[in-house]
């Protein structure tokens, strides 16, 4: 049983990723690390125009993802036959849980408030004191990166907390949009009475049917 995870992570586990065996090219990365996103995108367009055109706005603005895309495109040009399809069994059940927007906002706000109460701000202070700067990958995640302006003195604690809540609500909406594209997912509204029993019934039906097929 797998619970949670980003959309791409779930997709990678279930469907497999045909680029998973593309090795890192340290020489290439070193040569690209100082380029701006405009030049990186142009480099990718020259190597793989289809991939460049398919990138979303977020990927086009992310130098790390652009460099990886260039790395993959170059490797494929050099290894046109090689493929990788590592994935889970096709006999997989996908269940998506959702609620109405007001409930979602309330739950996220409550979770953020609890994180603050449990010492999130103090944790970030310790990280900064121990040399973990804002450029570290861990400090760019939701709930952490928003505090940069607080420590710079340009935003109050209250403003940062409100910003975290807004960003997490937006991220949850983006996740729902991503997963809604997968028609295999059975969606359950957890705001409705009996939702837990419905999930249990679905899982039992799938599980025993799966066992019968394997026998």
N, C-alpha and C. Protein backbone atom coordinates (compact mmCIF):
# COMPACT_ATOMS: atom_id res chain seq x y z
N UNK A 1 0.84 -1.18 0.00
CA UNK A 1 0.00 0.00 0.00
C UNK A 1 0.89 1.24 0.00
N UNK A 2 0.63 2.14 -0.92
CA UNK A 2 1.37 3.38 -1.03
C UNK A 2 0.42 4.55 -0.79
N UNK A 3 0.76 5.41 0.16
CA UNK A 3 -0.10 6.54 0.50
C UNK A 3 0.68 7.83 0.30
N UNK A 4 0.06 8.79 -0.39
CA UNK A 4 0.70 10.08 -0.57
C UNK A 4 1.67 10.07 -1.73
N UNK A 5 2.49 11.11 -1.78
CA UNK A 5 3.46 11.24 -2.87
C UNK A 5 2.98 12.21 -3.93
N UNK A 6 3.92 12.79 -4.65
CA UNK A 6 3.56 13.72 -5.72
C UNK A 6 2.98 12.94 -6.90
N UNK A 7 2.34 13.67 -7.79
CA UNK A 7 1.75 13.04 -8.96
C UNK A 7 2.78 12.31 -9.80
N UNK A 8 3.91 12.94 -10.01
CA UNK A 8 4.93 12.32 -10.84
C UNK A 8 5.51 11.07 -10.17
N UNK A 9 5.66 11.12 -8.84
CA UNK A 9 6.19 9.97 -8.10
C UNK A 9 5.27 8.77 -8.25
N UNK A 10 3.97 8.99 -8.08
CA UNK A 10 3.00 7.90 -8.23
C UNK A 10 3.03 7.36 -9.65
N UNK A 11 3.03 8.26 -10.62
CA UNK A 11 3.05 7.87 -12.03
C UNK A 11 4.31 7.06 -12.35
N UNK A 12 5.44 7.49 -11.79
CA UNK A 12 6.70 6.80 -12.05
C UNK A 12 6.67 5.38 -11.51
N UNK A 13 6.10 5.19 -10.32
CA UNK A 13 6.05 3.86 -9.72
C UNK A 13 5.12 2.93 -10.48
N UNK A 14 3.97 3.44 -10.88
CA UNK A 14 2.96 2.59 -11.51
C UNK A 14 3.23 2.38 -13.00
N UNK A 15 3.54 3.45 -13.70
CA UNK A 15 3.72 3.37 -15.15
C UNK A 15 5.16 3.12 -15.57
N UNK A 16 6.09 3.41 -14.67
CA UNK A 16 7.49 3.34 -15.05
C UNK A 16 7.95 4.64 -15.69
N UNK A 17 9.25 4.87 -15.69
CA UNK A 17 9.82 6.07 -16.29
C UNK A 17 10.88 5.65 -17.29
N UNK A 18 10.69 6.03 -18.54
CA UNK A 18 11.61 5.55 -19.57
C UNK A 18 12.95 6.29 -19.56
N UNK A 19 13.10 7.23 -18.62
CA UNK A 19 14.39 7.94 -18.51
C UNK A 19 15.15 7.59 -17.23
N UNK A 20 14.62 6.63 -16.48
CA UNK A 20 15.18 6.36 -15.16
C UNK A 20 16.63 5.85 -15.23
N UNK A 21 16.98 5.21 -16.33
CA UNK A 21 18.33 4.67 -16.46
C UNK A 21 19.28 5.61 -17.19
N UNK A 22 18.81 6.81 -17.51
CA UNK A 22 19.71 7.77 -18.15
C UNK A 22 20.67 8.30 -17.09
N UNK A 23 21.95 8.01 -17.21
CA UNK A 23 22.92 8.36 -16.16
C UNK A 23 23.22 9.86 -16.15
N UNK A 24 23.63 10.39 -15.00
CA UNK A 24 24.04 11.80 -14.93
C UNK A 24 25.33 12.02 -15.71
N UNK A 25 25.40 13.15 -16.37
CA UNK A 25 26.59 13.51 -17.14
C UNK A 25 27.24 14.71 -16.43
N UNK A 26 28.20 14.42 -15.57
CA UNK A 26 28.81 15.47 -14.75
C UNK A 26 29.51 16.53 -15.59
N UNK A 27 30.14 16.10 -16.68
CA UNK A 27 30.83 17.04 -17.55
C UNK A 27 29.82 18.01 -18.20
N UNK A 28 28.71 17.46 -18.66
CA UNK A 28 27.67 18.28 -19.28
C UNK A 28 27.08 19.25 -18.26
N UNK A 29 26.78 18.76 -17.07
CA UNK A 29 26.18 19.60 -16.03
C UNK A 29 27.11 20.74 -15.64
N UNK A 30 28.38 20.44 -15.57
CA UNK A 30 29.35 21.46 -15.21
C UNK A 30 29.38 22.56 -16.27
N UNK A 31 29.26 22.17 -17.53
CA UNK A 31 29.29 23.13 -18.62
C UNK A 31 28.03 23.97 -18.73
N UNK A 32 26.93 23.48 -18.14
CA UNK A 32 25.65 24.18 -18.25
C UNK A 32 25.26 24.96 -16.99
N UNK A 33 25.96 24.74 -15.89
CA UNK A 33 25.51 25.25 -14.59
C UNK A 33 25.42 26.77 -14.51
N UNK A 34 26.22 27.48 -15.31
CA UNK A 34 26.23 28.95 -15.24
C UNK A 34 25.34 29.61 -16.30
N UNK A 35 24.67 28.80 -17.11
CA UNK A 35 23.80 29.36 -18.14
C UNK A 35 22.47 29.80 -17.55
N UNK A 36 21.85 30.83 -18.13
CA UNK A 36 20.54 31.26 -17.67
C UNK A 36 19.46 30.39 -18.32
N UNK A 37 18.22 30.52 -17.83
CA UNK A 37 17.16 29.63 -18.29
C UNK A 37 16.83 29.84 -19.77
N UNK A 38 17.01 31.06 -20.27
CA UNK A 38 16.74 31.33 -21.69
C UNK A 38 17.70 30.55 -22.58
N UNK A 39 18.98 30.57 -22.24
CA UNK A 39 19.98 29.84 -23.02
C UNK A 39 19.80 28.33 -22.89
N UNK A 40 19.45 27.87 -21.68
CA UNK A 40 19.22 26.44 -21.47
C UNK A 40 18.04 25.95 -22.31
N UNK A 41 16.98 26.75 -22.35
CA UNK A 41 15.82 26.36 -23.14
C UNK A 41 16.15 26.32 -24.63
N UNK A 42 16.95 27.27 -25.08
CA UNK A 42 17.37 27.28 -26.48
C UNK A 42 18.23 26.06 -26.81
N UNK A 43 19.11 25.68 -25.87
CA UNK A 43 19.93 24.48 -26.06
C UNK A 43 19.04 23.24 -26.19
N UNK A 44 18.05 23.14 -25.33
CA UNK A 44 17.13 21.99 -25.38
C UNK A 44 16.35 21.99 -26.69
N UNK A 45 15.92 23.16 -27.13
CA UNK A 45 15.15 23.27 -28.38
C UNK A 45 15.95 22.77 -29.58
N UNK A 46 17.24 23.03 -29.57
CA UNK A 46 18.08 22.58 -30.68
C UNK A 46 18.25 21.06 -30.68
N UNK A 47 18.30 20.47 -29.47
CA UNK A 47 18.52 19.02 -29.37
C UNK A 47 17.21 18.25 -29.52
N UNK A 48 16.16 18.74 -28.85
CA UNK A 48 14.86 18.05 -28.85
C UNK A 48 13.75 19.09 -28.82
N UNK A 49 13.34 19.54 -29.98
CA UNK A 49 12.32 20.60 -30.07
C UNK A 49 10.97 20.14 -29.53
N UNK A 50 10.65 18.85 -29.69
CA UNK A 50 9.36 18.34 -29.20
C UNK A 50 9.30 18.39 -27.68
N UNK A 51 10.39 17.98 -27.02
CA UNK A 51 10.45 18.03 -25.56
C UNK A 51 10.38 19.47 -25.08
N UNK A 52 11.11 20.35 -25.73
CA UNK A 52 11.11 21.76 -25.34
C UNK A 52 9.71 22.35 -25.44
N UNK A 53 9.01 22.01 -26.51
CA UNK A 53 7.66 22.53 -26.71
C UNK A 53 6.65 21.98 -25.74
N UNK A 54 6.93 20.79 -25.18
CA UNK A 54 5.99 20.14 -24.26
C UNK A 54 6.19 20.56 -22.81
N UNK A 55 7.27 21.28 -22.52
CA UNK A 55 7.53 21.70 -21.13
C UNK A 55 6.47 22.69 -20.66
N UNK A 56 6.05 22.54 -19.40
CA UNK A 56 5.14 23.53 -18.83
C UNK A 56 5.92 24.75 -18.36
N UNK A 57 5.22 25.78 -17.93
CA UNK A 57 5.85 27.03 -17.54
C UNK A 57 6.82 26.83 -16.38
N UNK A 58 6.43 25.99 -15.41
CA UNK A 58 7.28 25.74 -14.25
C UNK A 58 8.60 25.11 -14.66
N UNK A 59 8.55 24.12 -15.55
CA UNK A 59 9.76 23.44 -15.99
C UNK A 59 10.66 24.38 -16.80
N UNK A 60 10.05 25.26 -17.57
CA UNK A 60 10.84 26.20 -18.39
C UNK A 60 11.61 27.20 -17.53
N UNK A 61 11.14 27.42 -16.32
CA UNK A 61 11.78 28.38 -15.43
C UNK A 61 12.70 27.72 -14.41
N UNK A 62 12.84 26.40 -14.51
CA UNK A 62 13.64 25.65 -13.54
C UNK A 62 14.92 25.18 -14.20
N UNK A 63 16.07 25.81 -13.90
CA UNK A 63 17.33 25.43 -14.56
C UNK A 63 17.73 23.98 -14.33
N UNK A 64 17.43 23.45 -13.15
CA UNK A 64 17.79 22.06 -12.84
C UNK A 64 17.03 21.09 -13.76
N UNK A 65 15.75 21.36 -13.99
CA UNK A 65 14.96 20.50 -14.86
C UNK A 65 15.35 20.66 -16.32
N UNK A 66 15.71 21.87 -16.70
CA UNK A 66 16.15 22.11 -18.08
C UNK A 66 17.45 21.36 -18.36
N UNK A 67 18.36 21.42 -17.40
CA UNK A 67 19.64 20.71 -17.58
C UNK A 67 19.41 19.21 -17.67
N UNK A 68 18.53 18.69 -16.84
CA UNK A 68 18.22 17.25 -16.89
C UNK A 68 17.59 16.89 -18.24
N UNK A 69 16.71 17.75 -18.75
CA UNK A 69 16.07 17.50 -20.04
C UNK A 69 17.11 17.47 -21.16
N UNK A 70 18.08 18.38 -21.09
CA UNK A 70 19.16 18.41 -22.09
C UNK A 70 20.00 17.13 -21.98
N UNK A 71 20.26 16.73 -20.75
CA UNK A 71 21.04 15.52 -20.48
C UNK A 71 20.36 14.29 -21.08
N UNK A 72 19.05 14.20 -20.87
CA UNK A 72 18.28 13.06 -21.40
C UNK A 72 18.25 13.10 -22.92
N UNK A 73 17.99 14.28 -23.48
CA UNK A 73 17.92 14.41 -24.93
C UNK A 73 19.23 14.03 -25.60
N UNK A 74 20.33 14.47 -25.02
CA UNK A 74 21.64 14.15 -25.58
C UNK A 74 21.92 12.65 -25.48
N UNK A 75 21.58 12.04 -24.34
CA UNK A 75 21.79 10.61 -24.15
C UNK A 75 20.97 9.80 -25.14
N UNK A 76 19.72 10.23 -25.39
CA UNK A 76 18.86 9.51 -26.33
C UNK A 76 19.41 9.60 -27.76
N UNK A 77 19.98 10.74 -28.09
CA UNK A 77 20.58 10.87 -29.42
C UNK A 77 21.74 9.89 -29.60
N UNK A 78 22.45 9.64 -28.48
CA UNK A 78 23.60 8.75 -28.53
C UNK A 78 23.21 7.28 -28.34
N UNK A 79 22.01 7.06 -27.75
CA UNK A 79 21.52 5.69 -27.50
C UNK A 79 20.08 5.55 -27.96
N UNK A 80 19.83 5.61 -29.27
CA UNK A 80 18.46 5.65 -29.79
C UNK A 80 17.64 4.39 -29.55
N UNK A 81 18.28 3.26 -29.31
CA UNK A 81 17.56 2.00 -29.14
C UNK A 81 17.24 1.70 -27.68
N UNK A 82 18.09 2.19 -26.79
CA UNK A 82 17.95 1.86 -25.36
C UNK A 82 16.65 2.39 -24.78
N UNK A 83 15.97 1.57 -23.97
CA UNK A 83 14.74 1.97 -23.29
C UNK A 83 14.69 1.34 -21.90
N UNK A 84 13.91 1.94 -21.02
CA UNK A 84 13.74 1.39 -19.67
C UNK A 84 12.27 1.48 -19.29
N UNK A 85 11.71 0.37 -18.81
CA UNK A 85 10.30 0.37 -18.43
C UNK A 85 10.14 -0.38 -17.10
N UNK A 86 10.60 0.22 -16.03
CA UNK A 86 10.46 -0.38 -14.71
C UNK A 86 9.17 0.13 -14.07
N UNK A 87 8.26 -0.79 -13.75
CA UNK A 87 6.99 -0.36 -13.19
C UNK A 87 6.42 -1.44 -12.28
N UNK A 88 5.40 -1.06 -11.53
CA UNK A 88 4.73 -2.01 -10.65
C UNK A 88 3.83 -2.92 -11.46
N UNK A 89 3.26 -3.89 -10.79
CA UNK A 89 2.29 -4.77 -11.44
C UNK A 89 1.13 -3.95 -11.98
N UNK A 90 0.59 -4.39 -13.12
CA UNK A 90 -0.53 -3.67 -13.71
C UNK A 90 -1.81 -3.83 -12.90
N UNK A 91 -1.80 -4.83 -12.01
CA UNK A 91 -2.99 -5.06 -11.17
C UNK A 91 -2.91 -4.15 -9.95
N UNK A 92 -3.20 -2.89 -10.17
CA UNK A 92 -3.08 -1.88 -9.12
C UNK A 92 -4.38 -1.12 -8.99
N UNK A 93 -4.79 -0.84 -7.77
CA UNK A 93 -6.00 -0.06 -7.53
C UNK A 93 -5.62 1.34 -7.07
N UNK A 94 -6.23 2.34 -7.68
CA UNK A 94 -5.94 3.74 -7.33
C UNK A 94 -7.19 4.38 -6.74
N UNK A 95 -7.05 4.92 -5.54
CA UNK A 95 -8.16 5.62 -4.88
C UNK A 95 -7.72 7.04 -4.55
N UNK A 96 -8.51 8.00 -4.95
CA UNK A 96 -8.23 9.40 -4.67
C UNK A 96 -9.22 9.96 -3.66
N UNK A 97 -8.72 10.61 -2.63
CA UNK A 97 -9.58 11.21 -1.61
C UNK A 97 -9.63 12.72 -1.81
N UNK A 98 -10.81 13.28 -1.75
CA UNK A 98 -10.96 14.73 -1.90
C UNK A 98 -12.09 15.22 -0.99
N UNK A 99 -12.15 16.52 -0.83
CA UNK A 99 -13.23 17.13 -0.04
C UNK A 99 -13.66 18.42 -0.73
N UNK A 100 -14.71 19.04 -0.23
CA UNK A 100 -15.11 20.32 -0.79
C UNK A 100 -14.05 21.37 -0.45
N UNK A 101 -14.04 22.45 -1.23
CA UNK A 101 -12.95 23.42 -1.13
C UNK A 101 -12.87 24.07 0.25
N UNK A 102 -13.99 24.36 0.86
CA UNK A 102 -13.97 25.01 2.17
C UNK A 102 -13.36 24.10 3.23
N UNK A 103 -13.68 22.80 3.16
CA UNK A 103 -13.10 21.84 4.09
C UNK A 103 -11.59 21.71 3.87
N UNK A 104 -11.19 21.69 2.60
CA UNK A 104 -9.77 21.60 2.27
C UNK A 104 -9.00 22.79 2.84
N UNK A 105 -9.54 23.99 2.65
CA UNK A 105 -8.88 25.21 3.15
C UNK A 105 -8.78 25.17 4.67
N UNK A 106 -9.83 24.74 5.33
CA UNK A 106 -9.84 24.68 6.79
C UNK A 106 -8.82 23.67 7.30
N UNK A 107 -8.74 22.50 6.65
CA UNK A 107 -7.79 21.48 7.08
C UNK A 107 -6.34 21.92 6.88
N UNK A 108 -6.08 22.57 5.76
CA UNK A 108 -4.71 23.04 5.48
C UNK A 108 -4.32 24.13 6.47
N UNK A 109 -5.23 25.06 6.72
CA UNK A 109 -4.95 26.13 7.68
C UNK A 109 -4.67 25.56 9.06
N UNK A 110 -5.44 24.55 9.46
CA UNK A 110 -5.23 23.93 10.77
C UNK A 110 -3.89 23.21 10.85
N UNK A 111 -3.50 22.57 9.74
CA UNK A 111 -2.22 21.86 9.71
C UNK A 111 -1.05 22.84 9.81
N UNK A 112 -1.15 23.96 9.10
CA UNK A 112 -0.08 24.97 9.15
C UNK A 112 0.02 25.55 10.56
N UNK A 113 -1.11 25.87 11.16
CA UNK A 113 -1.11 26.41 12.53
C UNK A 113 -0.45 25.43 13.50
N UNK A 114 -0.71 24.14 13.32
CA UNK A 114 -0.11 23.13 14.19
C UNK A 114 1.41 23.07 13.98
N UNK A 115 1.85 23.19 12.72
CA UNK A 115 3.29 23.17 12.44
C UNK A 115 3.99 24.34 13.13
N UNK A 116 3.34 25.50 13.12
CA UNK A 116 3.92 26.67 13.80
C UNK A 116 3.96 26.43 15.30
N UNK A 117 2.88 25.90 15.84
CA UNK A 117 2.81 25.62 17.27
C UNK A 117 3.86 24.59 17.68
N UNK A 118 4.15 23.64 16.80
CA UNK A 118 5.10 22.58 17.10
C UNK A 118 6.56 23.01 16.93
N UNK A 119 6.78 24.27 16.50
CA UNK A 119 8.14 24.78 16.46
C UNK A 119 8.80 24.88 15.10
N UNK A 120 8.02 25.07 14.04
CA UNK A 120 8.60 25.18 12.70
C UNK A 120 9.57 26.36 12.58
N UNK A 121 9.17 27.50 13.13
CA UNK A 121 10.03 28.69 13.04
C UNK A 121 11.35 28.47 13.77
N UNK A 122 11.28 27.84 14.93
CA UNK A 122 12.49 27.56 15.69
C UNK A 122 13.39 26.57 14.94
N UNK A 123 12.78 25.62 14.26
CA UNK A 123 13.54 24.65 13.47
C UNK A 123 14.32 25.35 12.36
N UNK A 124 13.65 26.29 11.68
CA UNK A 124 14.31 27.02 10.58
C UNK A 124 15.44 27.88 11.12
N UNK A 125 15.25 28.49 12.27
CA UNK A 125 16.32 29.28 12.89
C UNK A 125 17.56 28.42 13.14
N UNK A 126 17.34 27.21 13.64
CA UNK A 126 18.45 26.31 13.92
C UNK A 126 19.15 25.89 12.63
N UNK A 127 18.38 25.62 11.60
CA UNK A 127 18.96 25.23 10.32
C UNK A 127 19.86 26.34 9.77
N UNK A 128 19.36 27.57 9.81
CA UNK A 128 20.14 28.71 9.32
C UNK A 128 21.40 28.91 10.16
N UNK A 129 21.25 28.73 11.46
CA UNK A 129 22.39 28.90 12.37
C UNK A 129 23.47 27.85 12.10
N UNK A 130 23.04 26.65 11.65
CA UNK A 130 23.97 25.56 11.39
C UNK A 130 24.48 25.55 9.95
N UNK A 131 24.18 26.63 9.21
CA UNK A 131 24.74 26.75 7.87
C UNK A 131 23.90 26.24 6.74
N UNK A 132 22.66 25.86 7.01
CA UNK A 132 21.77 25.41 5.93
C UNK A 132 21.11 26.65 5.34
N UNK A 133 21.61 27.10 4.20
CA UNK A 133 21.12 28.34 3.58
C UNK A 133 19.90 28.15 2.71
N UNK A 134 19.40 29.27 2.18
CA UNK A 134 18.17 29.25 1.39
C UNK A 134 18.34 28.58 0.03
N UNK A 135 19.58 28.36 -0.39
CA UNK A 135 19.81 27.71 -1.67
C UNK A 135 19.73 26.19 -1.59
N UNK A 136 19.72 25.65 -0.36
CA UNK A 136 19.60 24.21 -0.20
C UNK A 136 18.23 23.75 -0.68
N UNK A 137 18.18 22.55 -1.29
CA UNK A 137 16.93 22.02 -1.82
C UNK A 137 15.85 21.93 -0.74
N UNK A 138 16.25 21.52 0.46
CA UNK A 138 15.29 21.36 1.55
C UNK A 138 14.64 22.69 1.95
N UNK A 139 15.35 23.79 1.74
CA UNK A 139 14.83 25.10 2.14
C UNK A 139 13.97 25.75 1.06
N UNK A 140 13.84 25.07 -0.09
CA UNK A 140 13.00 25.62 -1.16
C UNK A 140 11.61 24.97 -1.16
N UNK A 141 11.37 24.06 -0.23
CA UNK A 141 10.08 23.37 -0.19
C UNK A 141 9.01 24.24 0.47
N UNK A 142 7.75 23.87 0.22
CA UNK A 142 6.63 24.60 0.80
C UNK A 142 6.71 24.59 2.32
N UNK A 143 6.45 25.72 2.92
CA UNK A 143 6.48 25.82 4.36
C UNK A 143 7.82 26.29 4.90
N UNK A 144 8.84 26.23 4.05
CA UNK A 144 10.18 26.68 4.44
C UNK A 144 10.59 27.92 3.66
N UNK A 145 10.44 27.87 2.34
CA UNK A 145 10.93 28.96 1.50
C UNK A 145 10.25 30.29 1.80
N UNK A 146 9.02 30.25 2.28
CA UNK A 146 8.29 31.49 2.56
C UNK A 146 8.91 32.31 3.69
N UNK A 147 9.70 31.65 4.54
CA UNK A 147 10.28 32.34 5.69
C UNK A 147 11.49 33.20 5.33
N UNK A 148 11.98 33.07 4.12
CA UNK A 148 13.15 33.84 3.70
C UNK A 148 12.93 35.34 3.87
N UNK A 149 11.74 35.80 3.48
CA UNK A 149 11.42 37.23 3.58
C UNK A 149 11.26 37.67 5.03
N UNK A 150 10.83 36.76 5.89
CA UNK A 150 10.72 37.08 7.31
C UNK A 150 12.10 37.34 7.90
N UNK A 151 13.05 36.46 7.59
CA UNK A 151 14.40 36.62 8.12
C UNK A 151 15.14 37.78 7.46
N UNK A 152 14.67 38.19 6.30
CA UNK A 152 15.25 39.37 5.64
C UNK A 152 14.64 40.66 6.18
N UNK A 153 13.58 40.52 6.99
CA UNK A 153 12.94 41.68 7.60
C UNK A 153 11.90 42.37 6.74
N UNK A 154 11.50 41.72 5.62
CA UNK A 154 10.55 42.37 4.72
C UNK A 154 9.12 41.89 4.90
N UNK A 155 8.90 40.86 5.74
CA UNK A 155 7.54 40.37 5.99
C UNK A 155 7.40 39.97 7.45
N UNK A 156 6.19 40.17 7.95
CA UNK A 156 5.93 39.80 9.34
C UNK A 156 5.65 38.30 9.44
N UNK A 157 5.69 37.79 10.66
CA UNK A 157 5.41 36.38 10.90
C UNK A 157 4.00 36.03 10.43
N UNK A 158 3.06 36.92 10.71
CA UNK A 158 1.66 36.68 10.34
C UNK A 158 1.49 36.62 8.82
N UNK A 159 2.20 37.51 8.11
CA UNK A 159 2.11 37.51 6.65
C UNK A 159 2.69 36.23 6.06
N UNK A 160 3.79 35.76 6.64
CA UNK A 160 4.42 34.53 6.15
C UNK A 160 3.49 33.34 6.35
N UNK A 161 2.89 33.25 7.51
CA UNK A 161 1.98 32.14 7.81
C UNK A 161 0.80 32.14 6.83
N UNK A 162 0.26 33.33 6.56
CA UNK A 162 -0.86 33.44 5.62
C UNK A 162 -0.41 33.03 4.22
N UNK A 163 0.81 33.40 3.86
CA UNK A 163 1.35 33.06 2.55
C UNK A 163 1.55 31.55 2.40
N UNK A 164 2.01 30.91 3.48
CA UNK A 164 2.19 29.46 3.47
C UNK A 164 0.85 28.77 3.23
N UNK A 165 -0.17 29.24 3.90
CA UNK A 165 -1.51 28.64 3.75
C UNK A 165 -2.00 28.78 2.31
N UNK A 166 -1.83 29.96 1.73
CA UNK A 166 -2.26 30.19 0.34
C UNK A 166 -1.50 29.29 -0.63
N UNK A 167 -0.20 29.19 -0.43
CA UNK A 167 0.62 28.36 -1.33
C UNK A 167 0.27 26.89 -1.22
N UNK A 168 -0.02 26.44 -0.01
CA UNK A 168 -0.36 25.02 0.16
C UNK A 168 -1.74 24.71 -0.42
N UNK A 169 -2.66 25.65 -0.31
CA UNK A 169 -3.98 25.46 -0.92
C UNK A 169 -3.85 25.41 -2.44
N UNK A 170 -3.02 26.29 -2.98
CA UNK A 170 -2.78 26.31 -4.44
C UNK A 170 -2.13 25.00 -4.89
N UNK A 171 -1.18 24.53 -4.09
CA UNK A 171 -0.49 23.29 -4.44
C UNK A 171 -1.46 22.10 -4.41
N UNK A 172 -2.34 22.08 -3.42
CA UNK A 172 -3.33 21.00 -3.33
C UNK A 172 -4.25 21.02 -4.55
N UNK A 173 -4.62 22.20 -5.01
CA UNK A 173 -5.46 22.33 -6.20
C UNK A 173 -4.72 21.83 -7.44
N UNK A 174 -3.43 22.15 -7.52
CA UNK A 174 -2.62 21.68 -8.65
C UNK A 174 -2.50 20.16 -8.64
N UNK A 175 -2.34 19.59 -7.44
CA UNK A 175 -2.26 18.13 -7.33
C UNK A 175 -3.54 17.48 -7.82
N UNK A 176 -4.68 18.06 -7.44
CA UNK A 176 -5.97 17.51 -7.85
C UNK A 176 -6.11 17.58 -9.37
N UNK A 177 -5.67 18.68 -9.97
CA UNK A 177 -5.72 18.82 -11.42
C UNK A 177 -4.88 17.74 -12.10
N UNK A 178 -3.68 17.49 -11.54
CA UNK A 178 -2.79 16.46 -12.09
C UNK A 178 -3.46 15.09 -12.03
N UNK A 179 -3.96 14.71 -10.85
CA UNK A 179 -4.51 13.38 -10.67
C UNK A 179 -5.83 13.18 -11.40
N UNK A 180 -6.58 14.24 -11.62
CA UNK A 180 -7.86 14.13 -12.31
C UNK A 180 -7.68 13.63 -13.75
N UNK A 181 -6.47 13.78 -14.29
CA UNK A 181 -6.20 13.32 -15.66
C UNK A 181 -6.13 11.80 -15.75
N UNK A 182 -5.91 11.16 -14.61
CA UNK A 182 -5.78 9.70 -14.59
C UNK A 182 -7.16 9.07 -14.38
N UNK A 183 -7.70 8.49 -15.42
CA UNK A 183 -9.06 7.93 -15.38
C UNK A 183 -9.15 6.63 -14.59
N UNK A 184 -8.01 6.09 -14.18
CA UNK A 184 -8.02 4.86 -13.38
C UNK A 184 -8.39 5.13 -11.93
N UNK A 185 -8.28 6.36 -11.49
CA UNK A 185 -8.50 6.70 -10.08
C UNK A 185 -9.98 6.70 -9.74
N UNK A 186 -10.33 6.04 -8.66
CA UNK A 186 -11.70 6.07 -8.13
C UNK A 186 -11.74 7.15 -7.05
N UNK A 187 -12.58 8.15 -7.25
CA UNK A 187 -12.59 9.30 -6.35
C UNK A 187 -13.64 9.15 -5.26
N UNK A 188 -13.21 9.46 -4.04
CA UNK A 188 -14.09 9.37 -2.86
C UNK A 188 -14.11 10.72 -2.16
N UNK A 189 -15.30 11.27 -1.96
CA UNK A 189 -15.46 12.54 -1.24
C UNK A 189 -15.49 12.25 0.26
N UNK A 190 -14.41 12.59 0.96
CA UNK A 190 -14.33 12.27 2.38
C UNK A 190 -15.23 13.16 3.23
N UNK A 191 -15.84 14.17 2.61
CA UNK A 191 -16.76 15.04 3.35
C UNK A 191 -18.13 14.37 3.50
N UNK A 192 -18.37 13.33 2.71
CA UNK A 192 -19.67 12.67 2.73
C UNK A 192 -19.70 11.55 3.77
N UNK A 193 -20.83 11.34 4.44
CA UNK A 193 -20.96 10.26 5.43
C UNK A 193 -20.73 8.90 4.76
N UNK A 194 -20.06 8.02 5.48
CA UNK A 194 -19.85 6.66 4.96
C UNK A 194 -18.73 6.52 3.95
N UNK A 195 -17.93 7.58 3.79
CA UNK A 195 -16.86 7.52 2.78
C UNK A 195 -15.82 6.45 3.14
N UNK A 196 -15.52 6.32 4.43
CA UNK A 196 -14.52 5.33 4.83
C UNK A 196 -15.00 3.91 4.53
N UNK A 197 -16.27 3.63 4.82
CA UNK A 197 -16.84 2.31 4.54
C UNK A 197 -16.81 2.02 3.05
N UNK A 198 -17.03 3.04 2.24
CA UNK A 198 -17.02 2.85 0.79
C UNK A 198 -15.62 2.46 0.31
N UNK A 199 -14.62 3.11 0.89
CA UNK A 199 -13.24 2.78 0.53
C UNK A 199 -12.93 1.33 0.90
N UNK A 200 -13.32 0.94 2.12
CA UNK A 200 -13.05 -0.42 2.58
C UNK A 200 -13.72 -1.44 1.67
N UNK A 201 -14.95 -1.14 1.25
CA UNK A 201 -15.70 -2.06 0.38
C UNK A 201 -15.02 -2.19 -0.97
N UNK A 202 -14.56 -1.08 -1.52
CA UNK A 202 -13.88 -1.11 -2.81
C UNK A 202 -12.59 -1.91 -2.75
N UNK A 203 -11.82 -1.69 -1.67
CA UNK A 203 -10.54 -2.38 -1.53
C UNK A 203 -10.75 -3.88 -1.36
N UNK A 204 -11.71 -4.28 -0.54
CA UNK A 204 -11.99 -5.70 -0.33
C UNK A 204 -12.42 -6.37 -1.63
N UNK A 205 -13.28 -5.70 -2.38
CA UNK A 205 -13.75 -6.26 -3.65
C UNK A 205 -12.58 -6.43 -4.61
N UNK A 206 -11.72 -5.43 -4.69
CA UNK A 206 -10.55 -5.50 -5.59
C UNK A 206 -9.57 -6.58 -5.11
N UNK A 207 -9.34 -6.64 -3.81
CA UNK A 207 -8.34 -7.56 -3.26
C UNK A 207 -8.73 -9.01 -3.49
N UNK A 208 -9.98 -9.36 -3.21
CA UNK A 208 -10.40 -10.77 -3.37
C UNK A 208 -10.53 -11.13 -4.84
N UNK A 209 -10.90 -10.18 -5.65
CA UNK A 209 -10.97 -10.42 -7.09
C UNK A 209 -9.58 -10.66 -7.65
N UNK A 210 -8.61 -9.90 -7.15
CA UNK A 210 -7.21 -10.04 -7.56
C UNK A 210 -6.69 -11.43 -7.19
N UNK A 211 -6.99 -11.86 -5.96
CA UNK A 211 -6.53 -13.17 -5.51
C UNK A 211 -7.14 -14.29 -6.36
N UNK A 212 -8.42 -14.12 -6.72
CA UNK A 212 -9.11 -15.13 -7.53
C UNK A 212 -8.46 -15.25 -8.90
N UNK A 213 -8.06 -14.11 -9.47
CA UNK A 213 -7.42 -14.11 -10.78
C UNK A 213 -6.06 -14.79 -10.72
N UNK A 214 -5.32 -14.56 -9.62
CA UNK A 214 -3.98 -15.14 -9.48
C UNK A 214 -4.05 -16.65 -9.29
N UNK A 215 -5.15 -17.14 -8.62
CA UNK A 215 -5.33 -18.58 -8.43
C UNK A 215 -5.65 -19.26 -9.75
